[in-house]
Amino acid sequence: MVRAHFWTRISHTARWIFVLTILVVGVSADAQRRFAAKGIAGFTASQIDGDQSAGYHKVGLQAGLGVEARLKEKQSASLELLFSQRGARNQPQIPPAFSVTLDYIEIPVQWHYADWLMEGEGRSPDWYRVRFNAGLSYSYLLDIRDKYENTSFPAAFPFFTRNTVALVLGATFYATEHVGFTFRYNRPLHFLYRPGEGRPLRNSLYEHFLAFQVNYKL
């Protein structure tokens, strides 16, 4: 079982991006027309292909901060820093019972396109109800936990891929100028685990997940 203090498992790149995110959030207070900071909270539904069970049964937490920069009237780019839990578990009521949790630091970089213009009231600026997004997300695996420890998964943990790049597609619906609800599909570009000489599992493991978020934009 892999255990480590939170900060000791984050790569130097992730630490610097975290510092950069905090700085840009501060700057955005003086540049509200170009930059917007946001808080993000939600959950993930994930699965690992090759885990003896199909379906997005593993639910985890996802939360963090983000910064969005306006590029054109309807286009913007964003950078986020998230704590994200993923993994796999058996289908409810169907043995064998297993539940593996993967804790990640996740850094999505995305392009957004906005539509459905809403006119601001009084001095409030105009805003858009819908945003479509696409981009790439870098993830660093911090910790791995197996709830039951009665499967072959733990023997493969040391061979799991620590650094992951994924394709991200999604959309956000803003109920108000500041509050939005986001759905994302995340699909990594490589395997979580590949079999080979000296490795315990014979089949490959490939994770992918859905993310459901509520974000508050300043």
Protein backbone atom coordinates (compact mmCIF):
# COMPACT_ATOMS: atom_id res chain seq x y z
CA MET A 1 0.00 0.00 0.00
CA VAL A 2 1.36 3.37 -1.00
CA ARG A 3 1.26 6.00 1.76
CA ALA A 4 2.91 9.39 1.72
CA HIS A 5 2.50 12.92 3.01
CA PHE A 6 0.51 15.09 0.58
CA TRP A 7 3.24 17.56 -0.37
CA THR A 8 6.06 15.04 -0.61
CA ARG A 9 4.23 13.24 -3.43
CA ILE A 10 3.55 16.28 -5.62
CA SER A 11 6.04 16.88 -8.42
CA HIS A 12 7.98 20.15 -8.58
CA THR A 13 5.93 21.14 -11.64
CA ALA A 14 2.64 20.77 -9.76
CA ARG A 15 3.96 22.87 -6.86
CA TRP A 16 4.90 25.74 -9.16
CA ILE A 17 1.58 25.59 -11.00
CA PHE A 18 -0.19 25.75 -7.64
CA VAL A 19 1.77 28.89 -6.73
CA LEU A 20 1.04 30.37 -10.16
CA THR A 21 -2.68 29.69 -9.75
CA ILE A 22 -2.76 31.48 -6.39
CA LEU A 23 -0.90 34.48 -7.85
CA VAL A 24 -3.23 34.76 -10.83
CA VAL A 25 -6.25 34.52 -8.52
CA GLY A 26 -4.86 37.51 -6.65
CA VAL A 27 -4.17 39.43 -9.82
CA SER A 28 -7.66 38.72 -11.14
CA ALA A 29 -9.12 40.99 -8.47
CA ASP A 30 -7.47 43.90 -10.33
CA ALA A 31 -8.22 42.57 -13.82
CA GLN A 32 -11.80 41.37 -13.66
CA ARG A 33 -12.51 42.14 -17.29
CA ARG A 34 -9.80 39.77 -18.53
CA PHE A 35 -9.35 37.19 -15.77
CA ALA A 36 -11.82 35.34 -13.56
CA ALA A 37 -11.03 33.10 -10.59
CA LYS A 38 -13.30 30.25 -9.56
CA GLY A 39 -13.73 27.67 -6.84
CA ILE A 40 -14.62 24.12 -7.87
CA ALA A 41 -16.26 21.28 -5.93
CA GLY A 42 -17.88 18.06 -7.07
CA PHE A 43 -17.44 14.34 -7.52
CA THR A 44 -16.13 11.79 -10.00
CA ALA A 45 -17.60 8.51 -11.25
CA SER A 46 -14.82 6.27 -12.56
CA GLN A 47 -13.94 2.80 -13.71
CA ILE A 48 -10.86 0.81 -14.69
CA ASP A 49 -11.10 -1.43 -17.73
CA GLY A 50 -9.66 -4.84 -16.87
CA ASP A 51 -10.86 -4.80 -13.24
CA GLN A 52 -13.46 -7.64 -13.55
CA SER A 53 -16.35 -5.15 -13.43
CA ALA A 54 -17.96 -2.75 -15.92
CA GLY A 55 -19.58 0.61 -15.16
CA TYR A 56 -18.73 3.88 -13.45
CA HIS A 57 -19.32 2.55 -9.93
CA LYS A 58 -16.42 4.20 -8.08
CA VAL A 59 -17.39 7.62 -6.68
CA GLY A 60 -14.77 10.08 -5.41
CA LEU A 61 -14.30 13.71 -4.45
CA GLN A 62 -12.99 16.47 -6.69
CA ALA A 63 -12.23 20.04 -5.58
CA GLY A 64 -9.83 22.90 -6.25
CA LEU A 65 -9.25 26.31 -7.79
CA GLY A 66 -9.22 27.66 -11.32
CA VAL A 67 -8.40 30.74 -13.37
CA GLU A 68 -10.02 31.66 -16.69
CA ALA A 69 -8.66 34.22 -19.16
CA ARG A 70 -10.84 35.76 -21.87
CA LEU A 71 -9.30 35.44 -25.34
CA LYS A 72 -12.12 36.78 -27.53
CA GLU A 73 -15.78 37.68 -27.11
CA LYS A 74 -16.90 34.03 -26.84
CA GLN A 75 -13.60 32.25 -26.26
CA SER A 76 -11.48 31.77 -23.17
CA ALA A 77 -8.73 29.54 -21.75
CA SER A 78 -8.49 28.13 -18.24
CA LEU A 79 -6.00 26.56 -15.85
CA GLU A 80 -7.13 24.55 -12.81
CA LEU A 81 -5.55 22.76 -9.90
CA LEU A 82 -7.72 19.94 -8.50
CA PHE A 83 -7.57 17.18 -5.93
CA SER A 84 -9.28 14.27 -7.69
CA GLN A 85 -10.21 10.80 -6.48
CA ARG A 86 -10.68 8.01 -9.00
CA GLY A 87 -10.45 4.22 -9.02
CA ALA A 88 -12.64 1.15 -9.37
CA ARG A 89 -15.07 -1.00 -7.41
CA ASN A 90 -17.30 -3.99 -8.07
CA GLN A 91 -20.88 -3.62 -9.22
CA PRO A 92 -23.19 -3.26 -6.18
CA GLN A 93 -24.47 -6.61 -4.91
CA ILE A 94 -22.24 -8.52 -7.36
CA PRO A 95 -19.11 -10.26 -5.95
CA PRO A 96 -16.17 -10.30 -5.72
CA ALA A 97 -16.05 -7.20 -3.54
CA PHE A 98 -13.21 -4.77 -4.27
CA SER A 99 -12.72 -1.02 -3.99
CA VAL A 100 -9.53 0.73 -5.11
CA THR A 101 -9.12 4.50 -4.56
CA LEU A 102 -6.56 6.55 -6.51
CA ASP A 103 -5.79 10.05 -5.20
CA TYR A 104 -4.51 12.49 -7.83
CA ILE A 105 -3.39 16.06 -8.23
CA GLU A 106 -5.00 17.08 -11.51
CA ILE A 107 -4.10 20.10 -13.68
CA PRO A 108 -6.54 20.65 -16.58
CA VAL A 109 -5.70 23.21 -19.30
CA GLN A 110 -8.76 23.93 -21.45
CA TRP A 111 -10.25 26.05 -24.22
CA HIS A 112 -13.85 27.26 -23.76
CA TYR A 113 -16.47 28.49 -26.20
CA ALA A 114 -19.47 30.40 -24.81
CA ASP A 115 -23.03 30.80 -26.12
CA TRP A 116 -26.55 31.89 -25.03
CA LEU A 117 -25.93 35.53 -24.17
CA MET A 118 -27.66 36.96 -21.09
CA GLU A 119 -27.85 40.71 -20.71
CA GLY A 120 -26.63 42.05 -17.39
CA GLU A 121 -28.92 44.13 -15.23
CA GLY A 122 -27.93 47.61 -14.17
CA ARG A 123 -24.14 47.84 -13.99
CA SER A 124 -23.68 44.06 -14.24
CA PRO A 125 -21.89 42.91 -17.42
CA ASP A 126 -23.42 40.59 -20.00
CA TRP A 127 -22.71 36.89 -19.49
CA TYR A 128 -23.21 33.52 -21.19
CA ARG A 129 -25.24 30.60 -19.86
CA VAL A 130 -23.45 27.79 -21.71
CA ARG A 131 -19.75 27.01 -22.19
CA PHE A 132 -18.29 24.07 -24.09
CA ASN A 133 -14.76 23.01 -23.21
CA ALA A 134 -11.97 20.83 -24.60
CA GLY A 135 -8.39 20.38 -23.51
CA LEU A 136 -5.77 18.23 -21.84
CA SER A 137 -5.31 17.34 -18.18
CA TYR A 138 -2.11 16.29 -16.42
CA SER A 139 -2.51 14.08 -13.32
CA TYR A 140 0.02 12.91 -10.74
CA LEU A 141 -0.85 9.84 -8.66
CA LEU A 142 -0.41 10.67 -4.96
CA ASP A 143 -1.79 7.65 -3.13
CA ILE A 144 -3.41 4.24 -3.68
CA ARG A 145 -5.74 2.47 -1.27
CA ASP A 146 -7.43 -0.92 -1.45
CA LYS A 147 -10.41 -1.20 0.91
CA TYR A 148 -10.62 -4.99 1.06
CA GLU A 149 -7.06 -6.10 0.18
CA ASN A 150 -8.43 -9.44 -0.99
CA THR A 151 -7.63 -9.10 -4.70
CA SER A 152 -4.52 -9.11 -6.87
CA PHE A 153 -4.57 -5.32 -7.22
CA PRO A 154 -2.14 -4.45 -4.38
CA ALA A 155 0.69 -6.44 -5.96
CA ALA A 156 0.39 -4.26 -9.08
CA PHE A 157 0.31 -0.89 -7.27
CA PRO A 158 4.09 -0.25 -7.56
CA PHE A 159 3.78 -0.59 -11.34
CA PHE A 160 0.91 1.89 -11.79
CA THR A 161 1.63 4.88 -14.03
CA ARG A 162 2.29 7.93 -11.85
CA ASN A 163 2.03 10.63 -14.52
CA THR A 164 -1.05 10.70 -16.74
CA VAL A 165 -2.21 12.95 -19.58
CA ALA A 166 -5.89 12.80 -20.51
CA LEU A 167 -8.24 14.28 -23.09
CA VAL A 168 -11.00 16.38 -21.50
CA LEU A 169 -14.37 17.21 -23.09
CA GLY A 170 -17.33 18.83 -21.38
CA ALA A 171 -19.83 21.62 -20.92
CA THR A 172 -20.98 24.05 -18.22
CA PHE A 173 -24.43 25.51 -17.65
CA TYR A 174 -24.49 28.75 -15.63
CA ALA A 175 -27.63 29.16 -13.55
CA THR A 176 -26.46 32.67 -12.66
CA GLU A 177 -23.56 34.87 -13.70
CA HIS A 178 -21.41 33.26 -10.99
CA VAL A 179 -22.74 29.71 -10.39
CA GLY A 180 -22.18 26.99 -12.98
CA PHE A 181 -22.74 23.23 -13.22
CA THR A 182 -20.16 21.28 -15.21
CA PHE A 183 -20.01 17.82 -16.77
CA ARG A 184 -16.71 16.43 -18.09
CA TYR A 185 -15.54 13.25 -19.74
CA ASN A 186 -11.89 12.41 -19.09
CA ARG A 187 -10.04 9.79 -21.16
CA PRO A 188 -6.30 9.18 -20.56
CA LEU A 189 -3.97 8.81 -23.53
CA HIS A 190 -2.16 5.78 -22.06
CA PHE A 191 -2.67 2.80 -19.74
CA LEU A 192 -2.65 2.86 -15.95
CA TYR A 193 -0.89 -0.52 -15.97
CA ARG A 194 0.66 -2.73 -18.65
CA PRO A 195 1.64 -6.38 -18.13
CA GLY A 196 5.21 -7.50 -18.63
CA GLU A 197 8.03 -9.63 -17.29
CA GLY A 198 8.09 -9.60 -13.49
CA ARG A 199 4.69 -7.91 -13.23
CA PRO A 200 1.84 -9.61 -11.31
CA LEU A 201 -1.19 -8.97 -13.55
CA ARG A 202 -1.58 -10.43 -17.01
CA ASN A 203 -4.16 -7.94 -18.29
CA SER A 204 -3.80 -4.21 -18.91
CA LEU A 205 -5.61 -1.66 -16.74
CA TYR A 206 -7.08 1.48 -18.31
CA GLU A 207 -8.92 4.09 -16.24
CA HIS A 208 -11.40 6.73 -17.39
CA PHE A 209 -13.94 8.81 -15.51
CA LEU A 210 -16.76 11.34 -15.50
CA ALA A 211 -16.66 14.54 -13.44
CA PHE A 212 -19.64 16.48 -12.10
CA GLN A 213 -18.77 19.90 -10.70
CA VAL A 214 -20.28 23.02 -9.20
CA ASN A 215 -18.12 26.10 -9.73
CA TYR A 216 -18.38 29.61 -8.36
CA LYS A 217 -16.79 32.27 -10.55
CA LEU A 218 -15.77 35.57 -8.99
